[in-house]
Amino acid sequence: MSVLIICEKPSVAKTVALALGAAEQKDGYLSGDGLLVSWCIGHLISMADAGSYDERYKKWRYEDLPILPQTWKYAPTPGKEKQLAVLKELLHRSDVSEVVNGCDAGREGELIFRFVYEQAGCTKPFSRLWISSMEDSAIREGFAGRRAGTEYDALYQSALCRARADWLVGINATRLFSVLYHKTLNVGRVLSPTLNLLVERDGKITMFHKEKYHIVHIGCGGVDAESERISDAAAADALKTACEASQAVCVSLKKEKKTALPPKLFDLTLLQREANRVYGFTAKQTLDYAQSLYEKRFLTYPRTDSNYLTEDMAQTATGAAACASLYAGRGAYAGDRACHQQRQGFRPPRDYPHGGLCRQRL
C-alpha cells in the first residue's frame, strides 16, 4: 500500500519527496519507497462565483442583494484543472491507504488541502505533516511524527470562515456600491480598511502645517539638558535669560550597568517593514523573496507572527549560529555560546506553531 503526500507547491513537493526517498518522477507527482508525493500549485479549488447560484445573479442589481448562499459551491481555479485531475486520480487509487496533508503549516495551507480532499470526494484517513523547516532531518522527523488530520479541524474551520467572509463582503459590498454610484467600486474585507488607512494618512500629510517652536539648551562639559518645545518665542527668551543669570548645580549622579539583549527575531511584518525602510521593497516583494528562500531551504517558514524559535528548532538554530560565527571568523564555540545565551528566545511549539524567521543554512 502507498501513502499519498500532497504539498502546496512543486518545489516543496520535490524537497519533501527527495528527503523521504521518493525520487522517481511521474506526470504530476513523484514516487518511491511506498510514497506518492504531489502538489497543489496554490489554490486548485476556489469559491464559485455568484452567477453559479442563480442565473439572475449574473447581472448586478440592487434588488438581488444581499446574496447569502445556503449551500456553498466551489469550482476549479481556471488554468489549474490538469493538476486537480492528477490529484483526484491519486486520491482514488486503490493502493493509496493514507493521505498526508503536506501543504504549508498554516491556516491557508489547511484550506488548500481540505478543498481538494473534500471536492474530490475522498474519505480515506488523512494525517498532517506540520513542519517549519525544509531541512531533510526536519522533514523526516515531521513525517514520522505526523498527527491525525482531524486535530486541525478548528484551523480548517477558521480558514473556511475567513474565505466565506471574504466572499460575502466582496460580492455584496462591491455590487452595492457599484450599483449606487454607477461605476465599478471594489470593496473587500482587507482592501477597504487598508485603503482607508492610506486615505487618512494622505489627508494628514495634505493638511499638515509647519509650526515654529523653540528649545532652550544648557550645555556643560559634554552634558546637554534641553527644555520641552516652546511655541512662544518670548517665553523661550525669558527662560534663556533666567538660565544665563543662574548657575546650574548637579546635586546627584547615579550610574547603572545594564545588559542589553540582542533584538528578537523577525516576524514577517517586522521583516517587511525593515526591508521597505532599507531597500524600498514592497510587502509583497519581501514575502515573495522570503518564500523563495524558504523553498530553497535557506530560511524557515516565512508566514509567521512569532519573534521566537520553537524548542524543536534548537538544533537548526545552533547550527546556523555556529556557521555564522565561523563565517565571521569567531569560531564554532562562539556560535554555540551565542545560541546558548538566547535560550530565553525559545518557546514550546504549542504556543507558537511557527518560529521567528531564522536562517537554516549558509
Protein backbone atom coordinates (compact mmCIF):
# COMPACT_ATOMS: atom_id res chain seq x y z
CA MET A 1 0.00 0.00 0.00
CA SER A 2 1.08 3.59 -0.64
CA VAL A 3 0.93 6.87 1.27
CA LEU A 4 -0.02 9.98 -0.73
CA ILE A 5 1.54 13.29 0.38
CA ILE A 6 0.02 16.47 -1.06
CA CYS A 7 2.19 19.60 -0.83
CA GLU A 8 1.32 23.18 -1.67
CA LYS A 9 3.93 23.84 -4.39
CA PRO A 10 6.01 21.72 -6.79
CA SER A 11 9.32 22.92 -5.31
CA VAL A 12 8.25 21.93 -1.78
CA ALA A 13 6.94 18.59 -3.02
CA LYS A 14 10.27 17.81 -4.66
CA THR A 15 12.20 18.65 -1.48
CA VAL A 16 9.86 16.51 0.65
CA ALA A 17 9.97 13.64 -1.84
CA LEU A 18 13.77 13.55 -2.02
CA ALA A 19 14.07 13.71 1.78
CA LEU A 20 11.75 10.71 2.13
CA GLY A 21 13.19 8.65 -0.74
CA ALA A 22 10.56 9.24 -3.45
CA ALA A 23 12.79 10.27 -6.34
CA GLU A 24 11.04 8.76 -9.38
CA GLN A 25 9.46 11.50 -11.49
CA LYS A 26 5.94 10.84 -12.81
CA ASP A 27 3.35 13.01 -14.56
CA GLY A 28 2.29 15.42 -11.81
CA TYR A 29 3.86 13.57 -8.88
CA LEU A 30 6.92 11.70 -7.60
CA SER A 31 7.03 8.16 -6.27
CA GLY A 32 9.28 5.74 -4.46
CA ASP A 33 9.65 3.79 -1.21
CA GLY A 34 5.90 3.34 -0.84
CA LEU A 35 5.21 7.06 -1.22
CA LEU A 36 3.44 9.24 -3.76
CA VAL A 37 4.21 12.96 -3.48
CA SER A 38 2.18 15.50 -5.44
CA TRP A 39 1.31 19.20 -5.22
CA CYS A 40 -1.46 21.79 -5.49
CA ILE A 41 0.11 24.87 -7.16
CA GLY A 42 -1.65 27.09 -4.62
CA HIS A 43 -5.45 27.06 -4.63
CA LEU A 44 -6.82 24.47 -7.07
CA ILE A 45 -10.37 24.99 -5.80
CA SER A 46 -11.99 28.43 -5.38
CA MET A 47 -15.31 29.79 -4.16
CA ALA A 48 -17.82 29.70 -7.01
CA ASP A 49 -18.99 32.99 -8.50
CA ALA A 50 -22.42 34.37 -7.58
CA GLY A 51 -23.76 33.54 -11.03
CA SER A 52 -23.38 29.82 -10.35
CA TYR A 53 -26.07 30.04 -7.64
CA ASP A 54 -28.74 31.66 -9.77
CA GLU A 55 -28.84 32.97 -13.34
CA ARG A 56 -30.20 36.33 -12.19
CA TYR A 57 -27.04 36.97 -10.16
CA LYS A 58 -25.05 37.25 -13.36
CA LYS A 59 -26.37 40.81 -13.56
CA TRP A 60 -25.63 43.30 -10.80
CA ARG A 61 -28.95 44.56 -9.43
CA TYR A 62 -29.77 46.28 -6.15
CA GLU A 63 -32.94 44.25 -5.57
CA ASP A 64 -31.00 40.97 -5.53
CA LEU A 65 -28.86 41.99 -2.55
CA PRO A 66 -27.75 40.60 -0.22
CA ILE A 67 -26.65 37.32 -1.80
CA LEU A 68 -26.41 34.77 1.02
CA PRO A 69 -25.77 31.19 -0.16
CA GLN A 70 -27.42 28.50 1.94
CA THR A 71 -25.25 25.78 0.44
CA TRP A 72 -21.80 26.88 -0.68
CA LYS A 73 -20.47 25.98 -4.11
CA TYR A 74 -16.89 25.62 -5.29
CA ALA A 75 -15.20 25.50 -8.68
CA PRO A 76 -11.79 24.56 -10.11
CA THR A 77 -9.39 27.50 -10.35
CA PRO A 78 -9.04 28.42 -14.07
CA GLY A 79 -5.80 27.16 -15.61
CA LYS A 80 -5.15 24.54 -12.91
CA GLU A 81 -7.59 21.84 -13.99
CA LYS A 82 -4.84 19.42 -15.12
CA GLN A 83 -3.13 19.18 -11.73
CA LEU A 84 -6.50 18.91 -10.00
CA ALA A 85 -7.32 15.91 -12.20
CA VAL A 86 -3.96 14.33 -11.25
CA LEU A 87 -4.71 14.72 -7.55
CA LYS A 88 -8.23 13.33 -7.88
CA GLU A 89 -6.87 10.27 -9.64
CA LEU A 90 -4.19 9.75 -6.98
CA LEU A 91 -6.70 10.20 -4.15
CA HIS A 92 -8.90 7.45 -5.58
CA ARG A 93 -6.12 4.99 -6.41
CA SER A 94 -6.84 1.62 -4.82
CA ASP A 95 -3.28 1.25 -3.50
CA VAL A 96 -3.40 4.55 -1.56
CA SER A 97 -4.28 3.77 2.06
CA GLU A 98 -3.42 7.10 3.68
CA VAL A 99 -3.35 10.73 2.61
CA VAL A 100 -0.97 13.26 4.19
CA ASN A 101 -1.60 17.00 4.13
CA GLY A 102 1.88 18.39 3.43
CA CYS A 103 0.74 21.90 2.50
CA ASP A 104 2.27 24.90 4.26
CA ALA A 105 1.87 24.72 8.03
CA GLY A 106 -0.78 27.38 8.49
CA ARG A 107 -4.42 28.30 8.03
CA GLU A 108 -4.22 28.81 4.27
CA GLY A 109 -2.31 25.57 3.71
CA GLU A 110 -5.02 23.72 5.62
CA LEU A 111 -7.71 25.23 3.42
CA ILE A 112 -5.89 24.43 0.18
CA PHE A 113 -5.64 20.74 1.08
CA ARG A 114 -9.14 20.37 2.51
CA PHE A 115 -10.77 21.93 -0.54
CA VAL A 116 -9.09 19.39 -2.83
CA TYR A 117 -9.68 16.46 -0.44
CA GLU A 118 -13.38 17.24 0.01
CA GLN A 119 -14.17 18.25 -3.58
CA ALA A 120 -12.55 15.00 -4.76
CA GLY A 121 -14.99 13.12 -2.53
CA CYS A 122 -12.16 11.33 -0.75
CA THR A 123 -12.96 9.50 2.50
CA LYS A 124 -9.60 7.88 3.18
CA PRO A 125 -7.92 8.69 6.52
CA PHE A 126 -5.60 11.67 6.36
CA SER A 127 -2.85 12.99 8.61
CA ARG A 128 -0.94 16.26 8.91
CA LEU A 129 2.73 16.91 8.11
CA TRP A 130 3.41 20.10 10.08
CA ILE A 131 6.93 21.48 9.62
CA SER A 132 8.51 24.93 9.66
CA SER A 133 11.88 23.90 8.25
CA MET A 134 12.74 22.34 4.90
CA GLU A 135 15.84 20.58 6.21
CA ASP A 136 15.86 16.84 5.41
CA SER A 137 16.06 15.94 9.10
CA ALA A 138 13.07 18.16 9.94
CA ILE A 139 11.02 16.63 7.10
CA ARG A 140 11.81 13.06 8.17
CA GLU A 141 11.09 13.86 11.81
CA GLY A 142 7.83 15.60 10.91
CA PHE A 143 6.71 12.70 8.71
CA ALA A 144 7.48 10.16 11.42
CA GLY A 145 5.51 12.22 13.95
CA ARG A 146 2.60 13.23 11.72
CA ARG A 147 -0.67 13.73 13.56
CA ALA A 148 -4.28 12.94 12.77
CA GLY A 149 -5.76 15.44 10.34
CA THR A 150 -8.85 15.86 12.50
CA GLU A 151 -6.70 17.59 15.15
CA TYR A 152 -6.59 20.56 12.77
CA ASP A 153 -10.34 20.78 12.14
CA ALA A 154 -10.58 24.06 14.09
CA LEU A 155 -7.83 25.57 11.94
CA TYR A 156 -9.71 24.49 8.81
CA GLN A 157 -12.96 25.98 10.07
CA SER A 158 -11.13 29.23 10.78
CA ALA A 159 -9.78 29.31 7.22
CA LEU A 160 -13.19 28.41 5.79
CA CYS A 161 -14.84 31.18 7.81
CA ARG A 162 -12.29 33.70 6.50
CA ALA A 163 -12.83 32.57 2.88
CA ARG A 164 -16.61 32.82 3.14
CA ALA A 165 -16.42 36.20 4.86
CA ASP A 166 -14.24 37.47 2.01
CA TRP A 167 -16.80 36.21 -0.50
CA LEU A 168 -19.81 37.71 1.32
CA VAL A 169 -18.19 41.12 1.81
CA GLY A 170 -16.60 41.25 -1.62
CA ILE A 171 -19.62 40.14 -3.64
CA ASN A 172 -22.32 42.06 -1.78
CA ALA A 173 -20.50 45.29 -0.93
CA THR A 174 -18.86 45.60 -4.36
CA ARG A 175 -22.20 45.17 -6.13
CA LEU A 176 -23.98 47.53 -3.72
CA PHE A 177 -21.58 50.47 -4.10
CA SER A 178 -21.09 49.86 -7.82
CA VAL A 179 -24.86 49.99 -8.44
CA LEU A 180 -25.37 53.04 -6.20
CA TYR A 181 -22.56 55.08 -7.79
CA HIS A 182 -22.88 53.73 -11.36
CA LYS A 183 -19.26 52.63 -11.65
CA THR A 184 -17.22 49.66 -10.50
CA LEU A 185 -16.09 50.18 -6.91
CA ASN A 186 -14.27 47.17 -5.47
CA VAL A 187 -14.88 46.57 -1.78
CA GLY A 188 -13.09 43.91 0.26
CA ARG A 189 -12.64 42.76 3.84
CA VAL A 190 -8.92 43.64 3.71
CA LEU A 191 -8.82 46.01 0.72
CA SER A 192 -11.24 48.62 2.07
CA PRO A 193 -9.76 49.09 5.59
CA THR A 194 -6.29 49.25 4.06
CA LEU A 195 -7.43 51.87 1.57
CA ASN A 196 -8.99 53.82 4.44
CA LEU A 197 -5.64 53.86 6.27
CA LEU A 198 -3.96 55.25 3.15
CA VAL A 199 -6.62 57.93 2.69
CA GLU A 200 -6.39 59.01 6.34
CA ARG A 201 -2.61 59.18 6.17
CA ASP A 202 -2.69 61.13 2.91
CA GLY A 203 -5.18 63.57 4.45
CA LYS A 204 -2.90 64.17 7.43
CA ILE A 205 0.03 64.84 5.11
CA THR A 206 -2.04 67.20 2.95
CA MET A 207 -3.41 69.13 5.94
CA PHE A 208 -0.10 69.30 7.78
CA HIS A 209 1.09 72.80 8.66
CA LYS A 210 4.54 73.57 9.98
CA GLU A 211 4.67 75.22 13.37
CA LYS A 212 7.71 77.01 14.74
CA TYR A 213 8.91 76.08 18.19
CA HIS A 214 11.89 76.84 20.40
CA ILE A 215 14.07 74.68 22.66
CA VAL A 216 16.36 76.08 25.32
CA HIS A 217 19.64 74.17 25.85
CA ILE A 218 22.08 74.12 28.75
CA GLY A 219 25.44 72.69 27.75
CA CYS A 220 28.28 71.96 30.15
CA GLY A 221 31.18 69.55 29.90
CA GLY A 222 29.58 67.37 27.26
CA VAL A 223 26.26 67.22 29.13
CA ASP A 224 23.29 68.70 27.33
CA ALA A 225 19.96 69.46 29.01
CA GLU A 226 17.06 70.77 26.97
CA SER A 227 13.62 72.14 27.63
CA GLU A 228 10.36 70.99 26.14
CA ARG A 229 9.18 72.56 22.89
CA ILE A 230 8.05 76.15 23.49
CA SER A 231 5.85 77.74 20.84
CA ASP A 232 6.12 81.30 22.25
CA ALA A 233 9.45 82.97 21.39
CA ALA A 234 9.16 85.47 24.27
CA ALA A 235 8.72 82.65 26.79
CA ALA A 236 11.73 80.84 25.38
CA ASP A 237 13.83 84.03 25.60
CA ALA A 238 12.71 84.55 29.21
CA LEU A 239 13.77 81.01 30.11
CA LYS A 240 17.10 81.52 28.35
CA THR A 241 17.73 84.77 30.24
CA ALA A 242 16.86 83.16 33.55
CA CYS A 243 19.31 80.34 32.88
CA GLU A 244 22.10 82.70 31.89
CA ALA A 245 21.74 84.63 35.15
CA SER A 246 21.86 81.48 37.27
CA GLN A 247 24.25 78.64 37.94
CA ALA A 248 23.29 75.02 37.39
CA VAL A 249 24.33 72.62 40.12
CA CYS A 250 24.48 68.84 39.78
CA VAL A 251 23.02 67.54 43.05
CA SER A 252 23.31 63.79 42.36
CA LEU A 253 24.88 61.32 39.95
CA LYS A 254 23.64 57.79 39.52
CA LYS A 255 25.40 55.17 37.40
CA GLU A 256 23.77 51.92 36.33
CA LYS A 257 25.14 48.95 34.46
CA LYS A 258 22.54 47.44 32.18
CA THR A 259 22.66 44.41 29.92
CA ALA A 260 21.02 44.88 26.55
CA LEU A 261 19.86 41.66 24.92
CA PRO A 262 20.10 41.27 21.14
CA PRO A 263 16.92 42.16 19.27
CA LYS A 264 14.32 39.44 18.82
CA LEU A 265 13.98 37.56 15.57
CA PHE A 266 11.99 39.00 12.70
CA ASP A 267 8.41 38.00 12.16
CA LEU A 268 7.02 38.62 8.67
CA THR A 269 5.60 42.08 9.45
CA LEU A 270 8.84 43.34 11.01
CA LEU A 271 10.85 41.94 8.10
CA GLN A 272 8.58 43.65 5.57
CA ARG A 273 8.85 46.94 7.44
CA GLU A 274 12.65 46.78 7.65
CA ALA A 275 13.05 45.66 4.03
CA ASN A 276 10.93 48.61 2.95
CA ARG A 277 12.98 51.04 5.05
CA VAL A 278 16.38 49.74 3.91
CA TYR A 279 15.75 48.52 0.35
CA GLY A 280 12.41 50.05 -0.60
CA PHE A 281 10.81 46.61 -1.12
CA THR A 282 7.03 46.35 -1.11
CA ALA A 283 5.42 43.94 1.37
CA LYS A 284 4.68 41.51 -1.48
CA GLN A 285 8.27 41.62 -2.73
CA THR A 286 9.60 40.78 0.72
CA LEU A 287 7.14 37.91 1.12
CA ASP A 288 7.99 36.54 -2.33
CA TYR A 289 11.74 36.68 -1.60
CA ALA A 290 11.27 35.05 1.82
CA GLN A 291 9.06 32.33 0.33
CA SER A 292 11.66 31.62 -2.35
CA LEU A 293 14.40 31.35 0.28
CA TYR A 294 12.19 29.01 2.31
CA GLU A 295 11.61 26.74 -0.67
CA LYS A 296 15.38 26.67 -1.29
CA ARG A 297 15.88 25.73 2.38
CA PHE A 298 17.76 28.91 3.31
CA LEU A 299 15.03 30.29 5.60
CA THR A 300 12.39 28.95 7.96
CA TYR A 301 8.67 29.28 7.21
CA PRO A 302 8.08 32.96 6.30
CA ARG A 303 4.40 33.50 7.15
CA THR A 304 4.98 33.76 10.88
CA ASP A 305 3.86 36.25 13.53
CA SER A 306 6.31 34.95 16.15
CA ASN A 307 9.59 36.51 17.30
CA TYR A 308 10.72 33.30 18.99
CA LEU A 309 12.04 29.94 17.87
CA THR A 310 10.15 26.80 18.81
CA GLU A 311 12.03 24.40 21.07
CA ASP A 312 12.20 21.77 18.34
CA MET A 313 14.24 24.22 16.22
CA ALA A 314 17.12 24.40 18.73
CA GLN A 315 19.38 22.18 16.63
CA THR A 316 18.73 24.22 13.49
CA ALA A 317 19.42 27.47 15.36
CA THR A 318 22.63 26.14 16.91
CA GLY A 319 23.91 25.02 13.53
CA ALA A 320 23.06 28.34 11.90
CA ALA A 321 24.76 30.28 14.71
CA ALA A 322 27.87 28.10 14.51
CA CYS A 323 28.10 28.52 10.73
CA ALA A 324 27.62 32.28 11.01
CA SER A 325 30.35 32.50 13.65
CA LEU A 326 32.80 30.52 11.53
CA TYR A 327 31.95 32.72 8.57
CA ALA A 328 32.70 35.79 10.70
CA GLY A 329 35.95 34.27 11.97
CA ARG A 330 34.79 33.88 15.57
CA GLY A 331 34.97 30.08 15.82
CA ALA A 332 32.36 27.39 16.44
CA TYR A 333 32.41 27.87 20.21
CA ALA A 334 31.26 31.47 19.87
CA GLY A 335 28.28 30.39 17.78
CA ASP A 336 27.29 27.69 20.26
CA ARG A 337 27.68 30.13 23.17
CA ALA A 338 25.60 32.76 21.39
CA CYS A 339 22.81 30.24 20.84
CA HIS A 340 23.04 29.07 24.47
CA GLN A 341 22.70 32.64 25.70
CA GLN A 342 19.49 33.02 23.72
CA ARG A 343 17.64 30.06 25.23
CA GLN A 344 15.08 32.54 26.51
CA GLY A 345 14.20 33.08 22.85
CA PHE A 346 12.71 29.57 22.54
CA ARG A 347 9.07 28.74 23.17
CA PRO A 348 7.06 25.48 23.13
CA PRO A 349 5.64 24.61 19.67
CA ARG A 350 2.11 24.57 21.13
CA ASP A 351 2.46 28.29 21.95
CA TYR A 352 3.98 29.28 18.60
CA PRO A 353 3.22 26.89 15.69
CA HIS A 354 5.85 28.76 13.64
CA GLY A 355 9.08 30.17 14.97
CA GLY A 356 10.55 33.55 14.09
CA LEU A 357 12.46 33.86 10.83
CA CYS A 358 15.79 32.07 11.07
CA ARG A 359 18.49 31.15 8.57
CA GLN A 360 18.58 27.38 8.05
CA ARG A 361 21.97 27.09 6.38
CA LEU A 362 24.68 29.19 4.75
